[in-house]
Structures are given as structure tokens and as C-alpha cells.
Amino acid sequence: MGKAEILREIKVAEEKVRSMIAEAEEGRKQLQADGKRIALQRTEAAGKELRQQTDSKLAVAQTRIDEQKKRLLQEGQTRADAVVSAARKKMGDAEGFVLSEFERAADA
């Protein structure tokens, strides 16, 4: 084998190495892009799940708040009705007292 043949084989080998390096680099870039895409998909999925959980917990909390508000309003209405009833009774008692005092003063 002559020098020309050896040089030609070296050039062929160098070309194969360059081709293999280019393929490896392309493969690395593809893997990196795939990894980024997968990471983004997982991040979006986790965010969606977190939003759903948060919305669910918020709905449960809002329901509890609404129930407590309704209960407190009912209790307040019951107390207000009792105060009005007591005031009406006292008003009747006060009218009777004033009338009796007036009659006593008039008789005196």
C-alpha cells in the first residue's frame, strides 16, 4: 500500500469521524430538546393539578364559610326577634305603669 492509498484511507476515516461527530451532536441536540419538552409538559401538568387542587379546596372552604354565614345570620335573626318581642312586652308593661301612675296622680 502506497502513501497515496494511506492518505486516502486517512481522509476517508476522518470523514467518517466527522460524520459520526455530527450525528452524535445532532442526537445530543435532539435528546436535549426532548428533555426540555418533557420537562415543560410535566411542569404544566403539575401546575394544572395544583390549580385543580387549590380550586377544590377553595370551593370547600367557600361552602363552609357560606354555611357558617347562614347559621350566624339565622342566630342573629332569632336574637333580634327575641329582643323585639321583649321590647314589645316591656312597652306594654310601661304603658300600663304610666297609665296607673297617671290615674293615681289624678285621684290624688
PDB file of N, CA and C in Angstrom:
ATOM      1  N   MET A   1       0.851  -1.146   0.000  1.00  0.00           N
ATOM      2  CA  MET A   1       0.000   0.000   0.000  1.00  0.00           C
ATOM      3  C   MET A   1       0.910   1.225   0.000  1.00  0.00           C
ATOM      4  N   GLY A   2       0.579   2.157  -0.924  1.00  0.00           N
ATOM      5  CA  GLY A   2       1.441   3.325  -1.062  1.00  0.00           C
ATOM      6  C   GLY A   2       0.940   4.474  -0.202  1.00  0.00           C
ATOM      7  N   LYS A   3       1.771   5.511  -0.228  1.00  0.00           N
ATOM      8  CA  LYS A   3       1.438   6.692   0.566  1.00  0.00           C
ATOM      9  C   LYS A   3       0.100   7.296   0.131  1.00  0.00           C
ATOM     10  N   ALA A   4      -0.160   7.324  -1.131  1.00  0.00           N
ATOM     11  CA  ALA A   4      -1.401   7.896  -1.641  1.00  0.00           C
ATOM     12  C   ALA A   4      -2.602   7.114  -1.117  1.00  0.00           C
ATOM     13  N   GLU A   5      -2.460   5.788  -1.106  1.00  0.00           N
ATOM     14  CA  GLU A   5      -3.544   4.938  -0.609  1.00  0.00           C
ATOM     15  C   GLU A   5      -3.764   5.176   0.876  1.00  0.00           C
ATOM     16  N   ILE A   6      -2.691   5.289   1.640  1.00  0.00           N
ATOM     17  CA  ILE A   6      -2.769   5.517   3.094  1.00  0.00           C
ATOM     18  C   ILE A   6      -3.424   6.877   3.349  1.00  0.00           C
ATOM     19  N   LEU A   7      -3.021   7.898   2.606  1.00  0.00           N
ATOM     20  CA  LEU A   7      -3.611   9.231   2.779  1.00  0.00           C
ATOM     21  C   LEU A   7      -5.105   9.216   2.442  1.00  0.00           C
ATOM     22  N   ARG A   8      -5.445   8.490   1.386  1.00  0.00           N
ATOM     23  CA  ARG A   8      -6.855   8.398   1.021  1.00  0.00           C
ATOM     24  C   ARG A   8      -7.655   7.708   2.124  1.00  0.00           C
ATOM     25  N   GLU A   9      -7.141   6.655   2.720  1.00  0.00           N
ATOM     26  CA  GLU A   9      -7.815   5.949   3.814  1.00  0.00           C
ATOM     27  C   GLU A   9      -7.926   6.842   5.047  1.00  0.00           C
ATOM     28  N   ILE A  10      -6.876   7.622   5.303  1.00  0.00           N
ATOM     29  CA  ILE A  10      -6.926   8.560   6.442  1.00  0.00           C
ATOM     30  C   ILE A  10      -8.039   9.575   6.212  1.00  0.00           C
ATOM     31  N   LYS A  11      -8.130  10.098   4.987  1.00  0.00           N
ATOM     32  CA  LYS A  11      -9.175  11.072   4.671  1.00  0.00           C
ATOM     33  C   LYS A  11     -10.566  10.451   4.805  1.00  0.00           C
ATOM     34  N   VAL A  12     -10.712   9.225   4.351  1.00  0.00           N
ATOM     35  CA  VAL A  12     -11.996   8.530   4.480  1.00  0.00           C
ATOM     36  C   VAL A  12     -12.329   8.339   5.949  1.00  0.00           C
ATOM     37  N   ALA A  13     -11.331   7.939   6.747  1.00  0.00           N
ATOM     38  CA  ALA A  13     -11.549   7.731   8.188  1.00  0.00           C
ATOM     39  C   ALA A  13     -11.909   9.051   8.864  1.00  0.00           C
ATOM     40  N   GLU A  14     -11.203  10.132   8.495  1.00  0.00           N
ATOM     41  CA  GLU A  14     -11.503  11.445   9.074  1.00  0.00           C
ATOM     42  C   GLU A  14     -12.928  11.871   8.718  1.00  0.00           C
ATOM     43  N   GLU A  15     -13.334  11.602   7.491  1.00  0.00           N
ATOM     44  CA  GLU A  15     -14.694  11.959   7.066  1.00  0.00           C
ATOM     45  C   GLU A  15     -15.728  11.158   7.855  1.00  0.00           C
ATOM     46  N   LYS A  16     -15.449   9.868   8.086  1.00  0.00           N
ATOM     47  CA  LYS A  16     -16.355   9.034   8.886  1.00  0.00           C
ATOM     48  C   LYS A  16     -16.447   9.578  10.306  1.00  0.00           C
ATOM     49  N   VAL A  17     -15.308   9.991  10.889  1.00  0.00           N
ATOM     50  CA  VAL A  17     -15.291  10.535  12.258  1.00  0.00           C
ATOM     51  C   VAL A  17     -16.105  11.825  12.313  1.00  0.00           C
ATOM     52  N   ARG A  18     -15.896  12.707  11.299  1.00  0.00           N
ATOM     53  CA  ARG A  18     -16.659  13.955  11.275  1.00  0.00           C
ATOM     54  C   ARG A  18     -18.165  13.668  11.171  1.00  0.00           C
ATOM     55  N   SER A  19     -18.504  12.701  10.357  1.00  0.00           N
ATOM     56  CA  SER A  19     -19.902  12.320  10.188  1.00  0.00           C
ATOM     57  C   SER A  19     -20.466  11.769  11.498  1.00  0.00           C
ATOM     58  N   MET A  20     -19.698  10.917  12.172  1.00  0.00           N
ATOM     59  CA  MET A  20     -20.134  10.344  13.449  1.00  0.00           C
ATOM     60  C   MET A  20     -20.288  11.445  14.498  1.00  0.00           C
ATOM     61  N   ILE A  21     -19.365  12.400  14.515  1.00  0.00           N
ATOM     62  CA  ILE A  21     -19.440  13.517  15.470  1.00  0.00           C
ATOM     63  C   ILE A  21     -20.690  14.351  15.194  1.00  0.00           C
ATOM     64  N   ALA A  22     -20.949  14.626  13.897  1.00  0.00           N
ATOM     65  CA  ALA A  22     -22.130  15.403  13.527  1.00  0.00           C
ATOM     66  C   ALA A  22     -23.408  14.672  13.937  1.00  0.00           C
ATOM     67  N   GLU A  23     -23.441  13.372  13.703  1.00  0.00           N
ATOM     68  CA  GLU A  23     -24.618  12.579  14.098  1.00  0.00           C
ATOM     69  C   GLU A  23     -24.788  12.588  15.609  1.00  0.00           C
ATOM     70  N   ALA A  24     -23.666  12.423  16.324  1.00  0.00           N
ATOM     71  CA  ALA A  24     -23.723  12.427  17.791  1.00  0.00           C
ATOM     72  C   ALA A  24     -24.206  13.794  18.299  1.00  0.00           C
ATOM     73  N   GLU A  25     -23.717  14.858  17.697  1.00  0.00           N
ATOM     74  CA  GLU A  25     -24.129  16.203  18.092  1.00  0.00           C
ATOM     75  C   GLU A  25     -25.619  16.410  17.812  1.00  0.00           C
ATOM     76  N   GLU A  26     -26.074  15.948  16.670  1.00  0.00           N
ATOM     77  CA  GLU A  26     -27.495  16.044  16.325  1.00  0.00           C
ATOM     78  C   GLU A  26     -28.334  15.235  17.315  1.00  0.00           C
ATOM     79  N   GLY A  27     -27.841  14.043  17.660  1.00  0.00           N
ATOM     80  CA  GLY A  27     -28.528  13.213  18.651  1.00  0.00           C
ATOM     81  C   GLY A  27     -28.591  13.901  20.004  1.00  0.00           C
ATOM     82  N   ARG A  28     -27.498  14.549  20.409  1.00  0.00           N
ATOM     83  CA  ARG A  28     -27.457  15.269  21.688  1.00  0.00           C
ATOM     84  C   ARG A  28     -28.463  16.409  21.676  1.00  0.00           C
ATOM     85  N   LYS A  29     -28.490  17.150  20.580  1.00  0.00           N
ATOM     86  CA  LYS A  29     -29.432  18.259  20.478  1.00  0.00           C
ATOM     87  C   LYS A  29     -30.873  17.760  20.540  1.00  0.00           C
ATOM     88  N   GLN A  30     -31.134  16.649  19.869  1.00  0.00           N
ATOM     89  CA  GLN A  30     -32.492  16.081  19.873  1.00  0.00           C
ATOM     90  C   GLN A  30     -32.871  15.620  21.277  1.00  0.00           C
ATOM     91  N   LEU A  31     -31.946  14.939  21.962  1.00  0.00           N
ATOM     92  CA  LEU A  31     -32.222  14.495  23.333  1.00  0.00           C
ATOM     93  C   LEU A  31     -32.458  15.684  24.259  1.00  0.00           C
ATOM     94  N   GLN A  32     -31.672  16.717  24.081  1.00  0.00           N
ATOM     95  CA  GLN A  32     -31.818  17.916  24.907  1.00  0.00           C
ATOM     96  C   GLN A  32     -33.188  18.569  24.641  1.00  0.00           C
ATOM     97  N   ALA A  33     -33.566  18.673  23.384  1.00  0.00           N
ATOM     98  CA  ALA A  33     -34.870  19.251  23.045  1.00  0.00           C
ATOM     99  C   ALA A  33     -36.012  18.393  23.610  1.00  0.00           C
ATOM    100  N   ASP A  34     -35.870  17.072  23.475  1.00  0.00           N
ATOM    101  CA  ASP A  34     -36.888  16.164  24.026  1.00  0.00           C
ATOM    102  C   ASP A  34     -36.985  16.321  25.537  1.00  0.00           C
ATOM    103  N   GLY A  35     -35.841  16.423  26.188  1.00  0.00           N
ATOM    104  CA  GLY A  35     -35.821  16.597  27.648  1.00  0.00           C
ATOM    105  C   GLY A  35     -36.509  17.888  28.066  1.00  0.00           C
ATOM    106  N   LYS A  36     -36.244  18.971  27.353  1.00  0.00           N
ATOM    107  CA  LYS A  36     -36.893  20.248  27.664  1.00  0.00           C
ATOM    108  C   LYS A  36     -38.403  20.157  27.452  1.00  0.00           C
ATOM    109  N   ARG A  37     -38.793  19.516  26.346  1.00  0.00           N
ATOM    110  CA  ARG A  37     -40.219  19.369  26.053  1.00  0.00           C
ATOM    111  C   ARG A  37     -40.923  18.558  27.137  1.00  0.00           C
ATOM    112  N   ILE A  38     -40.300  17.457  27.528  1.00  0.00           N
ATOM    113  CA  ILE A  38     -40.890  16.600  28.567  1.00  0.00           C
ATOM    114  C   ILE A  38     -40.965  17.351  29.896  1.00  0.00           C
ATOM    115  N   ALA A  39     -39.903  18.079  30.233  1.00  0.00           N
ATOM    116  CA  ALA A  39     -39.900  18.842  31.486  1.00  0.00           C
ATOM    117  C   ALA A  39     -40.999  19.899  31.476  1.00  0.00           C
ATOM    118  N   LEU A  40     -41.176  20.557  30.349  1.00  0.00           N
ATOM    119  CA  LEU A  40     -42.226  21.562  30.228  1.00  0.00           C
ATOM    120  C   LEU A  40     -43.606  20.934  30.356  1.00  0.00           C
ATOM    121  N   GLN A  41     -43.800  19.788  29.721  1.00  0.00           N
ATOM    122  CA  GLN A  41     -45.090  19.098  29.814  1.00  0.00           C
ATOM    123  C   GLN A  41     -45.392  18.696  31.256  1.00  0.00           C
ATOM    124  N   ARG A  42     -44.376  18.176  31.926  1.00  0.00           N
ATOM    125  CA  ARG A  42     -44.575  17.755  33.318  1.00  0.00           C
ATOM    126  C   ARG A  42     -44.849  18.954  34.219  1.00  0.00           C
ATOM    127  N   THR A  43     -44.154  20.047  33.974  1.00  0.00           N
ATOM    128  CA  THR A  43     -44.371  21.259  34.762  1.00  0.00           C
ATOM    129  C   THR A  43     -45.784  21.777  34.557  1.00  0.00           C
ATOM    130  N   GLU A  44     -46.236  21.806  33.303  1.00  0.00           N
ATOM    131  CA  GLU A  44     -47.592  22.260  33.013  1.00  0.00           C
ATOM    132  C   GLU A  44     -48.628  21.339  33.641  1.00  0.00           C
ATOM    133  N   ALA A  45     -48.386  20.038  33.580  1.00  0.00           N
ATOM    134  CA  ALA A  45     -49.326  19.077  34.167  1.00  0.00           C
ATOM    135  C   ALA A  45     -49.384  19.252  35.685  1.00  0.00           C
ATOM    136  N   ALA A  46     -48.229  19.443  36.307  1.00  0.00           N
ATOM    137  CA  ALA A  46     -48.191  19.641  37.755  1.00  0.00           C
ATOM    138  C   ALA A  46     -48.898  20.947  38.130  1.00  0.00           C
ATOM    139  N   GLY A  47     -48.689  21.984  37.333  1.00  0.00           N
ATOM    140  CA  GLY A  47     -49.372  23.252  37.589  1.00  0.00           C
ATOM    141  C   GLY A  47     -50.871  23.121  37.472  1.00  0.00           C
ATOM    142  N   LYS A  48     -51.316  22.395  36.461  1.00  0.00           N
ATOM    143  CA  LYS A  48     -52.752  22.175  36.265  1.00  0.00           C
ATOM    144  C   LYS A  48     -53.341  21.416  37.446  1.00  0.00           C
ATOM    145  N   GLU A  49     -52.646  20.370  37.862  1.00  0.00           N
ATOM    146  CA  GLU A  49     -53.120  19.576  39.001  1.00  0.00           C
ATOM    147  C   GLU A  49     -53.170  20.423  40.265  1.00  0.00           C
ATOM    148  N   LEU A  50     -52.143  21.245  40.464  1.00  0.00           N
ATOM    149  CA  LEU A  50     -52.104  22.115  41.639  1.00  0.00           C
ATOM    150  C   LEU A  50     -53.259  23.117  41.607  1.00  0.00           C
ATOM    151  N   ARG A  51     -53.546  23.684  40.433  1.00  0.00           N
ATOM    152  CA  ARG A  51     -54.664  24.621  40.316  1.00  0.00           C
ATOM    153  C   ARG A  51     -55.989  23.926  40.620  1.00  0.00           C
ATOM    154  N   GLN A  52     -56.132  22.694  40.151  1.00  0.00           N
ATOM    155  CA  GLN A  52     -57.368  21.944  40.409  1.00  0.00           C
ATOM    156  C   GLN A  52     -57.528  21.669  41.901  1.00  0.00           C
ATOM    157  N   GLN A  53     -56.430  21.279  42.551  1.00  0.00           N
ATOM    158  CA  GLN A  53     -56.491  21.016  43.993  1.00  0.00           C
ATOM    159  C   GLN A  53     -56.817  22.300  44.755  1.00  0.00           C
ATOM    160  N   THR A  54     -56.179  23.388  44.349  1.00  0.00           N
ATOM    161  CA  THR A  54     -56.420  24.665  45.009  1.00  0.00           C
ATOM    162  C   THR A  54     -57.869  25.101  44.821  1.00  0.00           C
ATOM    163  N   ASP A  55     -58.377  24.980  43.597  1.00  0.00           N
ATOM    164  CA  ASP A  55     -59.770  25.342  43.323  1.00  0.00           C
ATOM    165  C   ASP A  55     -60.727  24.490  44.144  1.00  0.00           C
ATOM    166  N   SER A  56     -60.419  23.205  44.261  1.00  0.00           N
ATOM    167  CA  SER A  56     -61.265  22.302  45.029  1.00  0.00           C
ATOM    168  C   SER A  56     -61.271  22.694  46.511  1.00  0.00           C
ATOM    169  N   LYS A  57     -60.090  22.941  47.056  1.00  0.00           N
ATOM    170  CA  LYS A  57     -60.002  23.339  48.471  1.00  0.00           C
ATOM    171  C   LYS A  57     -60.685  24.678  48.700  1.00  0.00           C
ATOM    172  N   LEU A  58     -60.545  25.581  47.749  1.00  0.00           N
ATOM    173  CA  LEU A  58     -61.187  26.886  47.860  1.00  0.00           C
ATOM    174  C   LEU A  58     -62.708  26.741  47.837  1.00  0.00           C
ATOM    175  N   ALA A  59     -63.205  25.864  46.995  1.00  0.00           N
ATOM    176  CA  ALA A  59     -64.654  25.636  46.918  1.00  0.00           C
ATOM    177  C   ALA A  59     -65.177  25.061  48.228  1.00  0.00           C
ATOM    178  N   VAL A  60     -64.437  24.126  48.814  1.00  0.00           N
ATOM    179  CA  VAL A  60     -64.837  23.540  50.096  1.00  0.00           C
ATOM    180  C   VAL A  60     -64.837  24.617  51.180  1.00  0.00           C
ATOM    181  N   ALA A  61     -63.792  25.436  51.206  1.00  0.00           N
ATOM    182  CA  ALA A  61     -63.709  26.499  52.200  1.00  0.00           C
ATOM    183  C   ALA A  61     -64.841  27.508  52.004  1.00  0.00           C
ATOM    184  N   GLN A  62     -65.146  27.859  50.767  1.00  0.00           N
ATOM    185  CA  GLN A  62     -66.228  28.811  50.497  1.00  0.00           C
ATOM    186  C   GLN A  62     -67.568  28.242  50.943  1.00  0.00           C
ATOM    187  N   THR A  63     -67.768  26.953  50.747  1.00  0.00           N
ATOM    188  CA  THR A  63     -69.007  26.307  51.189  1.00  0.00           C
ATOM    189  C   THR A  63     -69.125  26.383  52.701  1.00  0.00           C
ATOM    190  N   ARG A  64     -68.026  26.105  53.398  1.00  0.00           N
ATOM    191  CA  ARG A  64     -68.044  26.191  54.869  1.00  0.00           C
ATOM    192  C   ARG A  64     -68.338  27.610  55.329  1.00  0.00           C
ATOM    193  N   ILE A  65     -67.718  28.574  54.668  1.00  0.00           N
ATOM    194  CA  ILE A  65     -67.941  29.981  55.024  1.00  0.00           C
ATOM    195  C   ILE A  65     -69.405  30.348  54.799  1.00  0.00           C
ATOM    196  N   ASP A  66     -69.958  29.940  53.665  1.00  0.00           N
ATOM    197  CA  ASP A  66     -71.356  30.249  53.362  1.00  0.00           C
ATOM    198  C   ASP A  66     -72.294  29.613  54.383  1.00  0.00           C
ATOM    199  N   GLU A  67     -72.002  28.372  54.773  1.00  0.00           N
ATOM    200  CA  GLU A  67     -72.835  27.691  55.772  1.00  0.00           C
ATOM    201  C   GLU A  67     -72.746  28.398  57.116  1.00  0.00           C
ATOM    202  N   GLN A  68     -71.532  28.792  57.518  1.00  0.00           N
ATOM    203  CA  GLN A  68     -71.357  29.479  58.795  1.00  0.00           C
ATOM    204  C   GLN A  68     -72.046  30.843  58.753  1.00  0.00           C
ATOM    205  N   LYS A  69     -71.933  31.541  57.643  1.00  0.00           N
ATOM    206  CA  LYS A  69     -72.587  32.844  57.494  1.00  0.00           C
ATOM    207  C   LYS A  69     -74.099  32.691  57.628  1.00  0.00           C
ATOM    208  N   LYS A  70     -74.646  31.678  56.960  1.00  0.00           N
ATOM    209  CA  LYS A  70     -76.084  31.433  57.021  1.00  0.00           C
ATOM    210  C   LYS A  70     -76.516  31.127  58.456  1.00  0.00           C
ATOM    211  N   ARG A  71     -75.722  30.288  59.136  1.00  0.00           N
ATOM    212  CA  ARG A  71     -76.044  29.927  60.523  1.00  0.00           C
ATOM    213  C   ARG A  71     -76.003  31.161  61.425  1.00  0.00           C
ATOM    214  N   LEU A  72     -74.954  31.989  61.258  1.00  0.00           N
ATOM    215  CA  LEU A  72     -74.826  33.190  62.080  1.00  0.00           C
ATOM    216  C   LEU A  72     -75.959  34.183  61.805  1.00  0.00           C
ATOM    217  N   LEU A  73     -76.348  34.310  60.540  1.00  0.00           N
ATOM    218  CA  LEU A  73     -77.461  35.201  60.211  1.00  0.00           C
ATOM    219  C   LEU A  73     -78.769  34.698  60.833  1.00  0.00           C
ATOM    220  N   GLN A  74     -78.959  33.378  60.822  1.00  0.00           N
ATOM    221  CA  GLN A  74     -80.165  32.816  61.438  1.00  0.00           C
ATOM    222  C   GLN A  74     -80.157  33.055  62.948  1.00  0.00           C
ATOM    223  N   GLU A  75     -78.987  32.852  63.580  1.00  0.00           N
ATOM    224  CA  GLU A  75     -78.880  33.096  65.018  1.00  0.00           C
ATOM    225  C   GLU A  75     -79.134  34.571  65.330  1.00  0.00           C
ATOM    226  N   GLY A  76     -78.578  35.440  64.503  1.00  0.00           N
ATOM    227  CA  GLY A  76     -78.789  36.874  64.699  1.00  0.00           C
ATOM    228  C   GLY A  76     -80.254  37.257  64.547  1.00  0.00           C
ATOM    229  N   GLN A  77     -80.913  36.674  63.560  1.00  0.00           N
ATOM    230  CA  GLN A  77     -82.338  36.956  63.361  1.00  0.00           C
ATOM    231  C   GLN A  77     -83.147  36.468  64.549  1.00  0.00           C
ATOM    232  N   THR A  78     -82.811  35.285  65.072  1.00  0.00           N
ATOM    233  CA  THR A  78     -83.506  34.745  66.242  1.00  0.00           C
ATOM    234  C   THR A  78     -83.329  35.672  67.443  1.00  0.00           C
ATOM    235  N   ARG A  79     -82.091  36.132  67.643  1.00  0.00           N
ATOM    236  CA  ARG A  79     -81.827  37.058  68.760  1.00  0.00           C
ATOM    237  C   ARG A  79     -82.565  38.386  68.556  1.00  0.00           C
ATOM    238  N   ALA A  80     -82.553  38.883  67.328  1.00  0.00           N
ATOM    239  CA  ALA A  80     -83.249  40.142  67.040  1.00  0.00           C
ATOM    240  C   ALA A  80     -84.738  39.991  67.297  1.00  0.00           C
ATOM    241  N   ASP A  81     -85.316  38.865  66.883  1.00  0.00           N
ATOM    242  CA  ASP A  81     -86.742  38.626  67.128  1.00  0.00           C
ATOM    243  C   ASP A  81     -87.031  38.581  68.621  1.00  0.00           C
ATOM    244  N   ALA A  82     -86.146  37.966  69.402  1.00  0.00           N
ATOM    245  CA  ALA A  82     -86.325  37.894  70.851  1.00  0.00           C
ATOM    246  C   ALA A  82     -86.248  39.287  71.476  1.00  0.00           C
ATOM    247  N   VAL A  83     -85.323  40.120  71.003  1.00  0.00           N
ATOM    248  CA  VAL A  83     -85.191  41.480  71.529  1.00  0.00           C
ATOM    249  C   VAL A  83     -86.445  42.294  71.207  1.00  0.00           C
ATOM    250  N   VAL A  84     -86.933  42.169  69.975  1.00  0.00           N
ATOM    251  CA  VAL A  84     -88.152  42.888  69.582  1.00  0.00           C
ATOM    252  C   VAL A  84     -89.328  42.422  70.428  1.00  0.00           C
ATOM    253  N   SER A  85     -89.445  41.120  70.632  1.00  0.00           N
ATOM    254  CA  SER A  85     -90.538  40.576  71.438  1.00  0.00           C
ATOM    255  C   SER A  85     -90.451  41.089  72.881  1.00  0.00           C
ATOM    256  N   ALA A  86     -89.257  41.076  73.446  1.00  0.00           N
ATOM    257  CA  ALA A  86     -89.076  41.556  74.818  1.00  0.00           C
ATOM    258  C   ALA A  86     -89.379  43.051  74.901  1.00  0.00           C
ATOM    259  N   ALA A  87     -88.965  43.795  73.883  1.00  0.00           N
ATOM    260  CA  ALA A  87     -89.221  45.235  73.878  1.00  0.00           C
ATOM    261  C   ALA A  87     -90.720  45.509  73.798  1.00  0.00           C
ATOM    262  N   ARG A  88     -91.438  44.756  72.999  1.00  0.00           N
ATOM    263  CA  ARG A  88     -92.890  44.942  72.897  1.00  0.00           C
ATOM    264  C   ARG A  88     -93.578  44.641  74.225  1.00  0.00           C
ATOM    265  N   LYS A  89     -93.107  43.585  74.883  1.00  0.00           N
ATOM    266  CA  LYS A  89     -93.681  43.229  76.181  1.00  0.00           C
ATOM    267  C   LYS A  89     -93.405  44.335  77.188  1.00  0.00           C
ATOM    268  N   LYS A  90     -92.174  44.831  77.213  1.00  0.00           N
ATOM    269  CA  LYS A  90     -91.826  45.903  78.138  1.00  0.00           C
ATOM    270  C   LYS A  90     -92.599  47.179  77.809  1.00  0.00           C
ATOM    271  N   MET A  91     -92.852  47.421  76.531  1.00  0.00           N
ATOM    272  CA  MET A  91     -93.597  48.591  76.125  1.00  0.00           C
ATOM    273  C   MET A  91     -95.023  48.517  76.670  1.00  0.00           C
ATOM    274  N   GLY A  92     -95.590  47.322  76.597  1.00  0.00           N
ATOM    275  CA  GLY A  92     -96.931  47.131  77.157  1.00  0.00           C
ATOM    276  C   GLY A  92     -96.926  47.332  78.663  1.00  0.00           C
ATOM    277  N   ASP A  93     -95.909  46.792  79.326  1.00  0.00           N
ATOM    278  CA  ASP A  93     -95.790  46.969  80.771  1.00  0.00           C
ATOM    279  C   ASP A  93     -95.599  48.442  81.113  1.00  0.00           C
ATOM    280  N   ALA A  94     -94.791  49.144  80.305  1.00  0.00           N
ATOM    281  CA  ALA A  94     -94.528  50.563  80.555  1.00  0.00           C
ATOM    282  C   ALA A  94     -95.805  51.375  80.359  1.00  0.00           C
ATOM    283  N   GLU A  95     -96.602  51.063  79.361  1.00  0.00           N
ATOM    284  CA  GLU A  95     -97.862  51.775  79.134  1.00  0.00           C
ATOM    285  C   GLU A  95     -98.791  51.585  80.328  1.00  0.00           C
ATOM    286  N   GLY A  96     -98.847  50.355  80.809  1.00  0.00           N
ATOM    287  CA  GLY A  96     -99.691  50.074  81.975  1.00  0.00           C
ATOM    288  C   GLY A  96     -99.212  50.829  83.203  1.00  0.00           C
ATOM    289  N   PHE A  97     -97.908  50.884  83.386  1.00  0.00           N
ATOM    290  CA  PHE A  97     -97.335  51.587  84.537  1.00  0.00           C
ATOM    291  C   PHE A  97     -97.620  53.087  84.440  1.00  0.00           C
ATOM    292  N   VAL A  98     -97.413  53.656  83.284  1.00  0.00           N
ATOM    293  CA  VAL A  98     -97.656  55.096  83.093  1.00  0.00           C
ATOM    294  C   VAL A  98     -99.132  55.408  83.300  1.00  0.00           C
ATOM    295  N   LEU A  99     -99.996  54.559  82.769  1.00  0.00           N
ATOM    296  CA  LEU A  99    -101.421  54.774  82.925  1.00  0.00           C
ATOM    297  C   LEU A  99    -101.824  54.688  84.395  1.00  0.00           C
ATOM    298  N   SER A 100    -101.314  53.688  85.110  1.00  0.00           N
ATOM    299  CA  SER A 100    -101.656  53.563  86.518  1.00  0.00           C
ATOM    300  C   SER A 100    -101.109  54.723  87.343  1.00  0.00           C
ATOM    301  N   GLU A 101     -99.920  55.177  87.008  1.00  0.00           N
ATOM    302  CA  GLU A 101     -99.341  56.327  87.712  1.00  0.00           C
ATOM    303  C   GLU A 101    -100.168  57.589  87.426  1.00  0.00           C
ATOM    304  N   PHE A 102    -100.610  57.738  86.193  1.00  0.00           N
ATOM    305  CA  PHE A 102    -101.422  58.894  85.828  1.00  0.00           C
ATOM    306  C   PHE A 102    -102.741  58.868  86.574  1.00  0.00           C
ATOM    307  N   GLU A 103    -103.352  57.660  86.624  1.00  0.00           N
ATOM    308  CA  GLU A 103    -104.640  57.539  87.339  1.00  0.00           C
ATOM    309  C   GLU A 103    -104.445  57.797  88.821  1.00  0.00           C
ATOM    310  N   ARG A 104    -103.382  57.322  89.401  1.00  0.00           N
ATOM    311  CA  ARG A 104    -103.103  57.535  90.826  1.00  0.00           C
ATOM    312  C   ARG A 104    -102.887  59.013  91.088  1.00  0.00           C
ATOM    313  N   ALA A 105    -102.146  59.658  90.185  1.00  0.00           N
ATOM    314  CA  ALA A 105    -101.898  61.083  90.361  1.00  0.00           C
ATOM    315  C   ALA A 105    -103.194  61.887  90.186  1.00  0.00           C
ATOM    316  N   ALA A 106    -104.037  61.421  89.286  1.00  0.00           N
ATOM    317  CA  ALA A 106    -105.292  62.118  89.050  1.00  0.00           C
ATOM    318  C   ALA A 106    -106.236  61.935  90.224  1.00  0.00           C
ATOM    319  N   ASP A 107    -106.220  60.792  90.882  1.00  0.00           N
ATOM    320  CA  ASP A 107    -107.082  60.511  92.040  1.00  0.00           C
ATOM    321  C   ASP A 107    -106.587  61.257  93.266  1.00  0.00           C
ATOM    322  N   ALA A 108    -105.345  61.557  93.284  1.00  0.00           N
ATOM    323  CA  ALA A 108    -104.786  62.170  94.481  1.00  0.00           C
ATOM    324  C   ALA A 108    -105.159  63.597  94.639  1.00  0.00           C
TER     325      ALA A 108
END
